[in-house]
């Protein structure tokens, strides 16, 4: 169980670091946008301004999607781990091994054949 908690904690740290990086990139884009406004005031041609502004907006949309996806990934992962932690231990086994459906059918067939 400690390994599960450590994995969740590590994942949270990683996602928080990713979120911080993405937030810094958004701030950088804001700065680029401000500099572009300054250039517009200095007489940069409008088609160049539009072109650069479109690139900034595309990058911003991509980063915002990444931020949203990282938050969703953390929520889904935490939910799955909580669900797994609520499962009862496997009966008759001190180790946590999972049986595949094929293995379960094989066991059922062999025990019904001997009965």
C-alpha atoms as a PDB file:
ATOM      1  CA  UNK A   1       0.000   0.000   0.000  1.00  0.00           C
ATOM      2  CA  UNK A   2       2.935   2.334   0.702  1.00  0.00           C
ATOM      3  CA  UNK A   3       4.119   1.838  -2.880  1.00  0.00           C
ATOM      4  CA  UNK A   4       0.736   3.028  -4.137  1.00  0.00           C
ATOM      5  CA  UNK A   5       0.913   6.166  -2.003  1.00  0.00           C
ATOM      6  CA  UNK A   6       4.486   6.816  -3.160  1.00  0.00           C
ATOM      7  CA  UNK A   7       3.449   6.380  -6.802  1.00  0.00           C
ATOM      8  CA  UNK A   8       0.559   8.810  -6.381  1.00  0.00           C
ATOM      9  CA  UNK A   9       2.827  11.330  -4.640  1.00  0.00           C
ATOM     10  CA  UNK A  10       5.471  11.026  -7.389  1.00  0.00           C
ATOM     11  CA  UNK A  11       2.836  11.461 -10.079  1.00  0.00           C
ATOM     12  CA  UNK A  12       1.465  14.548  -8.355  1.00  0.00           C
ATOM     13  CA  UNK A  13       4.930  16.100  -8.128  1.00  0.00           C
ATOM     14  CA  UNK A  14       5.561  15.401 -11.805  1.00  0.00           C
ATOM     15  CA  UNK A  15       2.218  16.853 -12.853  1.00  0.00           C
ATOM     16  CA  UNK A  16       2.714  19.934 -10.655  1.00  0.00           C
ATOM     17  CA  UNK A  17       6.127  20.481 -12.259  1.00  0.00           C
ATOM     18  CA  UNK A  18       4.571  20.106 -15.703  1.00  0.00           C
ATOM     19  CA  UNK A  19       1.840  22.565 -14.745  1.00  0.00           C
ATOM     20  CA  UNK A  20       4.480  25.078 -13.580  1.00  0.00           C
ATOM     21  CA  UNK A  21       6.398  24.755 -16.860  1.00  0.00           C
ATOM     22  CA  UNK A  22       3.234  25.232 -18.897  1.00  0.00           C
ATOM     23  CA  UNK A  23       2.209  28.229 -16.793  1.00  0.00           C
ATOM     24  CA  UNK A  24       5.636  29.826 -17.428  1.00  0.00           C
ATOM     25  CA  UNK A  25       5.178  29.217 -21.161  1.00  0.00           C
ATOM     26  CA  UNK A  26       1.797  30.955 -21.035  1.00  0.00           C
ATOM     27  CA  UNK A  27       3.427  33.926 -19.299  1.00  0.00           C
ATOM     28  CA  UNK A  28       6.111  33.981 -22.017  1.00  0.00           C
ATOM     29  CA  UNK A  29       3.385  34.074 -24.665  1.00  0.00           C
ATOM     30  CA  UNK A  30       1.788  37.019 -22.870  1.00  0.00           C
ATOM     31  CA  UNK A  31       5.152  38.798 -23.062  1.00  0.00           C
ATOM     32  CA  UNK A  32       5.466  38.014 -26.780  1.00  0.00           C
ATOM     33  CA  UNK A  33       2.005  39.401 -27.329  1.00  0.00           C
ATOM     34  CA  UNK A  34       2.943  42.620 -25.497  1.00  0.00           C
ATOM     35  CA  UNK A  35       6.105  43.008 -27.587  1.00  0.00           C
ATOM     36  CA  UNK A  36       4.042  42.454 -30.716  1.00  0.00           C
ATOM     37  CA  UNK A  37       1.726  45.292 -29.678  1.00  0.00           C
ATOM     38  CA  UNK A  38       4.776  47.507 -29.214  1.00  0.00           C
ATOM     39  CA  UNK A  39       6.001  46.573 -32.700  1.00  0.00           C
ATOM     40  CA  UNK A  40       2.559  47.350 -34.118  1.00  0.00           C
ATOM     41  CA  UNK A  41       2.785  50.821 -32.618  1.00  0.00           C
ATOM     42  CA  UNK A  42       6.187  51.236 -34.281  1.00  0.00           C
ATOM     43  CA  UNK A  43       4.689  50.475 -37.690  1.00  0.00           C
ATOM     44  CA  UNK A  44       5.186  46.718 -38.273  1.00  0.00           C
ATOM     45  CA  UNK A  45       3.011  45.686 -41.259  1.00  0.00           C
ATOM     46  CA  UNK A  46      -0.419  44.341 -40.237  1.00  0.00           C
ATOM     47  CA  UNK A  47      -0.015  41.033 -42.080  1.00  0.00           C
ATOM     48  CA  UNK A  48       3.125  40.337 -40.025  1.00  0.00           C
ATOM     49  CA  UNK A  49       1.296  41.240 -36.819  1.00  0.00           C
ATOM     50  CA  UNK A  50      -1.626  38.935 -37.689  1.00  0.00           C
ATOM     51  CA  UNK A  51       0.751  36.115 -38.628  1.00  0.00           C
ATOM     52  CA  UNK A  52       2.648  36.323 -35.340  1.00  0.00           C
ATOM     53  CA  UNK A  53      -0.519  36.761 -33.313  1.00  0.00           C
ATOM     54  CA  UNK A  54      -2.007  33.624 -34.896  1.00  0.00           C
ATOM     55  CA  UNK A  55       1.116  31.642 -33.949  1.00  0.00           C
ATOM     56  CA  UNK A  56       0.919  32.932 -30.373  1.00  0.00           C
ATOM     57  CA  UNK A  57      -2.782  32.029 -30.133  1.00  0.00           C
ATOM     58  CA  UNK A  58      -2.179  28.535 -31.544  1.00  0.00           C
ATOM     59  CA  UNK A  59       0.604  27.919 -29.035  1.00  0.00           C
ATOM     60  CA  UNK A  60      -1.542  29.265 -26.184  1.00  0.00           C
ATOM     61  CA  UNK A  61      -4.420  26.924 -27.153  1.00  0.00           C
ATOM     62  CA  UNK A  62      -2.038  23.944 -27.264  1.00  0.00           C
ATOM     63  CA  UNK A  63      -0.542  24.770 -23.859  1.00  0.00           C
ATOM     64  CA  UNK A  64      -3.962  25.325 -22.269  1.00  0.00           C
ATOM     65  CA  UNK A  65      -5.069  21.931 -23.623  1.00  0.00           C
ATOM     66  CA  UNK A  66      -1.932  20.351 -22.112  1.00  0.00           C
ATOM     67  CA  UNK A  67      -2.705  21.957 -18.742  1.00  0.00           C
ATOM     68  CA  UNK A  68      -6.256  20.631 -18.844  1.00  0.00           C
ATOM     69  CA  UNK A  69      -5.096  17.164 -19.926  1.00  0.00           C
ATOM     70  CA  UNK A  70      -2.517  16.940 -17.127  1.00  0.00           C
ATOM     71  CA  UNK A  71      -5.181  17.822 -14.553  1.00  0.00           C
ATOM     72  CA  UNK A  72      -7.533  15.235 -16.001  1.00  0.00           C
ATOM     73  CA  UNK A  73      -4.791  12.596 -16.002  1.00  0.00           C
ATOM     74  CA  UNK A  74      -4.129  13.172 -12.310  1.00  0.00           C
ATOM     75  CA  UNK A  75      -7.835  12.939 -11.456  1.00  0.00           C
ATOM     76  CA  UNK A  76      -8.321   9.716 -13.451  1.00  0.00           C
ATOM     77  CA  UNK A  77      -5.189   8.116 -12.018  1.00  0.00           C
ATOM     78  CA  UNK A  78      -6.127   9.006  -8.459  1.00  0.00           C
ATOM     79  CA  UNK A  79      -9.638   7.672  -8.985  1.00  0.00           C
ATOM     80  CA  UNK A  80      -8.340   4.380 -10.378  1.00  0.00           C
ATOM     81  CA  UNK A  81      -5.894   3.956  -7.516  1.00  0.00           C
ATOM     82  CA  UNK A  82      -8.617   4.646  -4.949  1.00  0.00           C
ATOM     83  CA  UNK A  83     -10.816   2.027  -6.615  1.00  0.00           C
ATOM     84  CA  UNK A  84      -7.971  -0.501  -6.620  1.00  0.00           C
ATOM     85  CA  UNK A  85      -7.211   0.188  -2.954  1.00  0.00           C
ATOM     86  CA  UNK A  86     -10.848  -0.589  -2.107  1.00  0.00           C
ATOM     87  CA  UNK A  87     -10.610  -4.092  -3.634  1.00  0.00           C
ATOM     88  CA  UNK A  88     -10.510  -6.953  -1.136  1.00  0.00           C
ATOM     89  CA  UNK A  89      -7.339  -9.080  -1.034  1.00  0.00           C
ATOM     90  CA  UNK A  90      -7.296 -12.145  -3.281  1.00  0.00           C
ATOM     91  CA  UNK A  91      -8.685 -15.221  -1.481  1.00  0.00           C
ATOM     92  CA  UNK A  92      -6.254 -18.014  -0.639  1.00  0.00           C
ATOM     93  CA  UNK A  93      -3.188 -16.135  -1.817  1.00  0.00           C
ATOM     94  CA  UNK A  94      -0.590 -14.186   0.093  1.00  0.00           C
ATOM     95  CA  UNK A  95       0.708 -12.667  -3.134  1.00  0.00           C
ATOM     96  CA  UNK A  96      -1.377 -10.460  -5.329  1.00  0.00           C
ATOM     97  CA  UNK A  97      -1.621 -12.396  -8.583  1.00  0.00           C
ATOM     98  CA  UNK A  98      -4.434 -11.856 -11.005  1.00  0.00           C
ATOM     99  CA  UNK A  99      -5.969 -14.708 -12.946  1.00  0.00           C
ATOM    100  CA  UNK A 100      -6.830 -14.110 -16.542  1.00  0.00           C
ATOM    101  CA  UNK A 101     -10.312 -15.105 -17.763  1.00  0.00           C
ATOM    102  CA  UNK A 102      -8.671 -17.921 -19.757  1.00  0.00           C
ATOM    103  CA  UNK A 103      -6.976 -19.296 -16.639  1.00  0.00           C
ATOM    104  CA  UNK A 104     -10.235 -19.077 -14.702  1.00  0.00           C
ATOM    105  CA  UNK A 105     -12.086 -21.038 -17.410  1.00  0.00           C
ATOM    106  CA  UNK A 106      -9.345 -23.685 -17.480  1.00  0.00           C
ATOM    107  CA  UNK A 107      -9.584 -24.115 -13.710  1.00  0.00           C
ATOM    108  CA  UNK A 108     -13.365 -24.338 -13.861  1.00  0.00           C
ATOM    109  CA  UNK A 109     -13.266 -26.941 -16.641  1.00  0.00           C
ATOM    110  CA  UNK A 110     -10.689 -29.114 -14.930  1.00  0.00           C
ATOM    111  CA  UNK A 111     -12.498 -29.053 -11.584  1.00  0.00           C
ATOM    112  CA  UNK A 112     -15.872 -29.874 -13.231  1.00  0.00           C
ATOM    113  CA  UNK A 113     -14.264 -32.706 -15.183  1.00  0.00           C
ATOM    114  CA  UNK A 114     -12.939 -34.307 -11.994  1.00  0.00           C
ATOM    115  CA  UNK A 115     -16.290 -33.976 -10.175  1.00  0.00           C
END
